Amino acid sequence: MTPAWVVRRIGRYVLIAVVLAFFAVPMLWLAGAPFDARPGFGVRWPEWTSANVVATFRHPYAVRSLVNSLVLCVVATAVTTAFAALAAYALSRVRIPGRDVLLYVLLLLSSVVTGTAAMVPLFVLMLQLGLVDSRFGTALVIAGGMLPAAIFVLKDFMDSVPRSYEESARVFGASPGQVLGHVVLPVARPGLAVVLVWSFVNAWGNFLLPFLLLRDVGKQPAAVLMRTLQDEGGSANLTVIPVFSLLYSIPVVLLYLVVDRRYGFRFHGGIKS
C-alpha cells in the first residue's frame, strides 16, 4: 500500500462520513425534537415529554390539514395513475403518426411550463369554473401537472410487455378491457408502483398550487399550513412544528414500505430477478 493509496482511502471515508452526517442530522432532530421539553434547532438528547404531542393535536388545524393532504394526494394519485396507464398503453400499442414526437413534446412542456409559469392562467381557469377553494379541483390541477411525466415513465413499461401475452388472451375471448386489466397492468406493475409513489410524494409536498387555489385555512393541506405554525411572537412554534413534521413524514414512508412489500421494485417485466 502506497501513501497515496492510503490518503485516497481516508479521503473517501471522510467524504462518506460527511454525506451520511448531512442526511443523519435532520433525521436525528426529527426523532428527538418532538419529545423534547425544550425543543430547539440543534440535535441533543431530549428531555422526554408528551406535551408537544398533546399541543399538536389540540391545534385547531394541524390534524385537519393532514387529512386534507391525504384527500388531495389520494385523488391526484388515483387520477394520475389511471389516466397515465390508459394513455401509456394507447401510445405503446397504437401506431399514431408523430407518436414519439408527441410524447417528447408533452414531457418537454411539462418541464418548461412549470407550475409557477402557469399560475395566472390556471387561477383564471379555476375561477371561471368555480373550483377555487375546492379540494377536488386542486387535486385535478395537481394531477394534470404530473400526467406528462407519468405517461413518459409508464410507456417504457408498457413497451416491455410482450404482445404475445395479449394475443393469447384475445384467442381465449378476452375483451380489450380484460386484456389491459388482467394481462398488461399486472405485468407492468413495477411501473405502476413507481408512478404511484412518485405522484403521491409530489402531491404530498406540493405547496404552490394549494396555497394559490385553497383560500380557506380549514381546507389547506399540511404543506401550506406549515408556514403558519408560529407562536405569539411570530417565531417558529417549536412545540408544534417537530411533532407536525414527524406526522407529516409518516404517510410517505408507509406508502413506500407497503408498495415495496406488496409489489416490490425487484420485478422487471413480470419476471422476478
Protein backbone atom coordinates (compact mmCIF):
# COMPACT_ATOMS: atom_id res chain seq x y z
CA MET A 1 0.00 0.00 0.00
CA THR A 2 1.46 3.31 -1.10
CA PRO A 3 0.96 6.56 0.88
CA ALA A 4 -1.12 7.97 -1.97
CA TRP A 5 -3.47 4.98 -1.81
CA VAL A 6 -3.88 5.40 1.96
CA VAL A 7 -4.62 9.12 1.55
CA ARG A 8 -7.23 8.40 -1.13
CA ARG A 9 -8.88 5.74 1.03
CA ILE A 10 -9.00 8.07 4.06
CA GLY A 11 -10.41 10.88 1.93
CA ARG A 12 -13.11 8.57 0.57
CA TYR A 13 -14.19 7.52 4.05
CA VAL A 14 -14.21 11.12 5.26
CA LEU A 15 -16.40 12.12 2.31
CA ILE A 16 -18.80 9.25 3.01
CA ALA A 17 -18.96 10.24 6.69
CA VAL A 18 -19.75 13.86 5.81
CA VAL A 19 -22.51 12.84 3.39
CA LEU A 20 -24.03 10.46 5.96
CA ALA A 21 -23.92 13.17 8.64
CA PHE A 22 -25.60 15.60 6.23
CA PHE A 23 -28.61 13.27 5.97
CA ALA A 24 -28.47 11.86 9.51
CA VAL A 25 -28.62 15.15 11.44
CA PRO A 26 -32.13 16.13 10.21
CA MET A 27 -33.36 12.60 10.89
CA LEU A 28 -31.97 12.68 14.42
CA TRP A 29 -33.65 16.03 15.03
CA LEU A 30 -36.95 14.69 13.70
CA ALA A 31 -36.69 11.68 16.01
CA GLY A 32 -35.83 13.62 19.19
CA ALA A 33 -37.29 17.14 18.99
CA PRO A 34 -40.99 16.06 19.05
CA PHE A 35 -40.47 14.56 22.52
CA ASP A 36 -38.14 17.20 23.94
CA ALA A 37 -39.43 19.50 26.69
CA ARG A 38 -37.22 22.28 25.31
CA PRO A 39 -37.03 21.68 21.54
CA GLY A 40 -34.60 23.75 19.53
CA PHE A 41 -32.91 23.78 16.16
CA GLY A 42 -29.95 21.70 17.33
CA VAL A 43 -29.61 17.97 17.89
CA ARG A 44 -29.33 16.85 21.51
CA TRP A 45 -30.59 14.16 23.84
CA PRO A 46 -34.21 15.12 24.58
CA GLU A 47 -35.83 15.76 27.93
CA TRP A 48 -38.66 13.32 27.32
CA THR A 49 -42.21 14.67 27.43
CA SER A 50 -45.52 14.12 25.64
CA ALA A 51 -46.68 17.74 25.99
CA ASN A 52 -45.63 18.58 22.42
CA VAL A 53 -47.80 15.78 21.03
CA VAL A 54 -50.79 16.96 23.07
CA ALA A 55 -50.26 20.56 21.93
CA THR A 56 -50.10 19.49 18.29
CA PHE A 57 -53.33 17.50 18.43
CA ARG A 58 -55.02 20.43 20.19
CA HIS A 59 -54.02 22.79 17.39
CA PRO A 60 -57.22 23.78 15.54
CA TYR A 61 -55.89 22.96 12.06
CA ALA A 62 -52.96 20.55 12.43
CA VAL A 63 -54.78 17.22 12.18
CA ARG A 64 -57.31 18.63 9.72
CA SER A 65 -54.52 19.76 7.39
CA LEU A 66 -53.05 16.26 7.37
CA VAL A 67 -56.47 14.86 6.41
CA ASN A 68 -56.70 17.49 3.65
CA SER A 69 -53.29 16.40 2.37
CA LEU A 70 -54.41 12.78 2.27
CA VAL A 71 -57.56 13.72 0.33
CA LEU A 72 -55.60 15.77 -2.21
CA CYS A 73 -52.93 13.11 -2.63
CA VAL A 74 -55.29 10.15 -2.94
CA VAL A 75 -57.38 11.90 -5.61
CA ALA A 76 -54.37 13.28 -7.51
CA THR A 77 -52.52 9.94 -7.35
CA ALA A 78 -55.54 7.94 -8.46
CA VAL A 79 -56.25 10.26 -11.41
CA THR A 80 -52.59 10.41 -12.44
CA THR A 81 -52.01 6.65 -12.26
CA ALA A 82 -55.27 5.71 -14.00
CA PHE A 83 -55.04 8.17 -16.89
CA ALA A 84 -51.29 7.66 -17.30
CA ALA A 85 -51.82 3.89 -17.60
CA LEU A 86 -54.51 4.31 -20.26
CA ALA A 87 -52.55 6.90 -22.23
CA ALA A 88 -49.27 4.97 -22.00
CA TYR A 89 -50.93 1.77 -23.19
CA ALA A 90 -52.52 3.58 -26.12
CA LEU A 91 -49.24 5.25 -27.10
CA SER A 92 -47.43 1.93 -26.78
CA ARG A 93 -49.81 -0.13 -28.89
CA VAL A 94 -51.49 2.21 -31.35
CA ARG A 95 -49.42 3.38 -34.29
CA ILE A 96 -50.10 7.12 -34.46
CA PRO A 97 -48.14 9.38 -36.85
CA GLY A 98 -45.79 11.51 -34.79
CA ARG A 99 -46.40 9.46 -31.65
CA ASP A 100 -42.87 9.71 -30.31
CA VAL A 101 -42.68 13.43 -31.11
CA LEU A 102 -45.97 13.99 -29.27
CA LEU A 103 -44.69 12.14 -26.22
CA TYR A 104 -41.48 14.13 -26.04
CA VAL A 105 -43.34 17.41 -26.60
CA LEU A 106 -45.64 16.61 -23.68
CA LEU A 107 -42.66 15.85 -21.47
CA LEU A 108 -40.86 19.00 -22.63
CA LEU A 109 -43.88 21.20 -21.98
CA SER A 110 -44.34 19.71 -18.52
CA SER A 111 -40.72 20.60 -17.73
CA VAL A 112 -40.61 24.06 -19.31
CA VAL A 113 -44.10 25.32 -18.44
CA THR A 114 -43.79 24.80 -14.71
CA GLY A 115 -46.45 25.45 -12.11
CA THR A 116 -45.01 28.89 -11.37
CA ALA A 117 -45.19 29.99 -15.01
CA ALA A 118 -48.78 28.75 -15.37
CA MET A 119 -50.15 30.16 -12.12
CA VAL A 120 -52.09 33.08 -13.60
CA PRO A 121 -53.90 31.16 -16.38
CA LEU A 122 -54.55 28.27 -14.00
CA PHE A 123 -56.07 30.56 -11.40
CA VAL A 124 -58.23 32.32 -14.00
CA LEU A 125 -59.41 28.97 -15.39
CA MET A 126 -60.27 27.60 -11.95
CA LEU A 127 -62.04 30.84 -11.06
CA GLN A 128 -64.20 30.67 -14.18
CA LEU A 129 -65.03 27.03 -13.45
CA GLY A 130 -65.95 27.86 -9.86
CA LEU A 131 -63.33 25.46 -8.49
CA VAL A 132 -61.31 27.93 -6.42
CA ASP A 133 -61.31 26.75 -2.80
CA SER A 134 -62.20 23.24 -3.96
CA ARG A 135 -60.00 20.37 -2.82
CA PHE A 136 -61.21 18.18 -5.69
CA GLY A 137 -60.43 20.88 -8.27
CA THR A 138 -56.99 21.47 -6.77
CA ALA A 139 -56.27 17.72 -6.88
CA LEU A 140 -57.20 17.65 -10.58
CA VAL A 141 -54.81 20.52 -11.32
CA ILE A 142 -52.01 18.75 -9.45
CA ALA A 143 -52.74 15.54 -11.36
CA GLY A 144 -52.71 17.38 -14.69
CA GLY A 145 -49.26 18.71 -13.98
CA MET A 146 -47.91 15.24 -13.23
CA LEU A 147 -49.54 13.38 -16.13
CA PRO A 148 -46.98 14.03 -18.92
CA ALA A 149 -44.04 12.69 -16.90
CA ALA A 150 -46.12 9.76 -15.61
CA ILE A 151 -47.12 8.82 -19.17
CA PHE A 152 -43.50 9.02 -20.28
CA VAL A 153 -42.39 6.69 -17.48
CA LEU A 154 -45.19 4.17 -17.92
CA LYS A 155 -44.82 3.92 -21.69
CA ASP A 156 -41.44 2.22 -21.30
CA PHE A 157 -43.00 -0.39 -19.02
CA MET A 158 -45.89 -0.91 -21.46
CA ASP A 159 -43.41 -1.40 -24.31
CA SER A 160 -41.71 -4.17 -22.31
CA VAL A 161 -44.92 -6.24 -22.08
CA PRO A 162 -44.74 -8.95 -24.79
CA ARG A 163 -47.54 -8.66 -27.34
CA SER A 164 -47.84 -12.45 -27.33
CA TYR A 165 -49.46 -12.21 -23.87
CA GLU A 166 -52.22 -10.03 -25.28
CA GLU A 167 -52.67 -12.19 -28.35
CA SER A 168 -53.06 -15.30 -26.19
CA ALA A 169 -55.71 -13.55 -24.09
CA ARG A 170 -57.63 -12.46 -27.19
CA VAL A 171 -57.59 -16.03 -28.52
CA PHE A 172 -59.50 -17.08 -25.40
CA GLY A 173 -62.05 -14.30 -25.93
CA ALA A 174 -60.76 -11.57 -23.64
CA SER A 175 -62.07 -8.08 -24.31
CA PRO A 176 -59.70 -5.09 -24.65
CA GLY A 177 -60.53 -4.02 -21.11
CA GLN A 178 -59.81 -7.51 -19.78
CA VAL A 179 -56.52 -7.63 -21.68
CA LEU A 180 -55.45 -4.34 -20.12
CA GLY A 181 -56.69 -5.12 -16.63
CA HIS A 182 -55.71 -8.79 -16.33
CA VAL A 183 -52.66 -9.10 -18.60
CA VAL A 184 -50.89 -5.80 -19.24
CA LEU A 185 -51.24 -3.98 -15.93
CA PRO A 186 -50.17 -6.93 -13.74
CA VAL A 187 -47.04 -7.35 -15.83
CA ALA A 188 -46.35 -3.59 -15.78
CA ARG A 189 -46.91 -3.29 -12.03
CA PRO A 190 -43.36 -2.07 -11.28
CA GLY A 191 -44.09 0.97 -13.43
CA LEU A 192 -47.46 1.50 -11.74
CA ALA A 193 -45.76 1.28 -8.34
CA VAL A 194 -43.14 3.81 -9.38
CA VAL A 195 -45.74 6.25 -10.71
CA LEU A 196 -47.97 5.75 -7.68
CA VAL A 197 -45.20 6.53 -5.19
CA TRP A 198 -43.80 9.35 -7.31
CA SER A 199 -47.17 11.06 -7.82
CA PHE A 200 -48.13 10.70 -4.16
CA VAL A 201 -44.84 12.21 -2.98
CA ASN A 202 -45.12 15.10 -5.45
CA ALA A 203 -48.71 15.83 -4.49
CA TRP A 204 -47.92 15.47 -0.78
CA GLY A 205 -45.18 18.09 -0.93
CA ASN A 206 -46.92 20.46 -3.35
CA PHE A 207 -47.12 23.91 -1.80
CA LEU A 208 -47.73 26.47 -4.54
CA LEU A 209 -50.94 25.17 -6.11
CA PRO A 210 -52.85 24.55 -2.83
CA PHE A 211 -51.58 27.87 -1.48
CA LEU A 212 -53.00 29.69 -4.50
CA LEU A 213 -56.25 27.77 -5.01
CA LEU A 214 -57.32 27.00 -1.42
CA ARG A 215 -58.08 30.18 0.49
CA ASP A 216 -59.97 28.57 3.38
CA VAL A 217 -57.50 27.60 6.12
CA GLY A 218 -59.70 24.63 7.01
CA LYS A 219 -59.16 23.17 3.51
CA GLN A 220 -55.42 23.78 3.20
CA PRO A 221 -53.04 20.80 3.28
CA ALA A 222 -50.17 20.31 5.68
CA ALA A 223 -47.57 21.70 3.26
CA VAL A 224 -49.36 25.06 3.30
CA LEU A 225 -50.23 25.07 7.00
CA MET A 226 -46.57 24.51 7.90
CA ARG A 227 -45.73 28.13 7.10
CA THR A 228 -48.34 29.41 9.58
CA LEU A 229 -47.10 27.45 12.60
CA GLN A 230 -45.83 30.39 14.62
CA ASP A 231 -46.09 31.44 18.23
CA GLU A 232 -47.50 34.72 19.53
CA GLY A 233 -44.20 36.49 18.89
CA GLY A 234 -44.13 35.45 15.21
CA SER A 235 -41.30 32.96 15.66
CA ALA A 236 -41.42 29.31 14.64
CA ASN A 237 -43.58 27.33 17.07
CA LEU A 238 -41.06 24.69 18.10
CA THR A 239 -43.64 23.00 20.31
CA VAL A 240 -45.87 22.05 17.38
CA ILE A 241 -43.53 22.01 14.36
CA PRO A 242 -41.40 18.95 15.37
CA VAL A 243 -44.43 16.72 16.05
CA PHE A 244 -46.22 18.06 12.99
CA SER A 245 -43.14 17.37 10.86
CA LEU A 246 -42.93 13.81 12.17
CA LEU A 247 -46.61 13.17 11.39
CA TYR A 248 -46.14 14.80 8.00
CA SER A 249 -43.37 12.37 7.06
CA ILE A 250 -45.13 9.16 8.12
CA PRO A 251 -47.59 8.66 5.18
CA VAL A 252 -44.87 8.82 2.51
CA VAL A 253 -42.67 6.34 4.37
CA LEU A 254 -45.60 3.98 4.95
CA LEU A 255 -46.61 4.17 1.29
CA TYR A 256 -43.14 3.21 0.16
CA LEU A 257 -42.95 0.30 2.61
CA VAL A 258 -46.39 -1.01 1.63
CA VAL A 259 -45.74 -0.77 -2.10
CA ASP A 260 -42.27 -2.28 -1.78
CA ARG A 261 -43.64 -5.18 0.29
CA ARG A 262 -46.71 -5.78 -1.87
CA TYR A 263 -45.25 -5.31 -5.35
CA GLY A 264 -41.55 -4.84 -4.82
CA PHE A 265 -39.20 -2.94 -7.03
CA ARG A 266 -37.27 -6.15 -7.78
CA PHE A 267 -39.71 -7.10 -10.52
CA HIS A 268 -38.93 -6.28 -14.14
CA GLY A 269 -41.29 -7.15 -16.95
CA GLY A 270 -43.25 -9.57 -14.80
CA ILE A 271 -40.24 -11.81 -14.10
CA LYS A 272 -38.62 -11.81 -10.67
CA SER A 273 -34.88 -11.32 -10.87
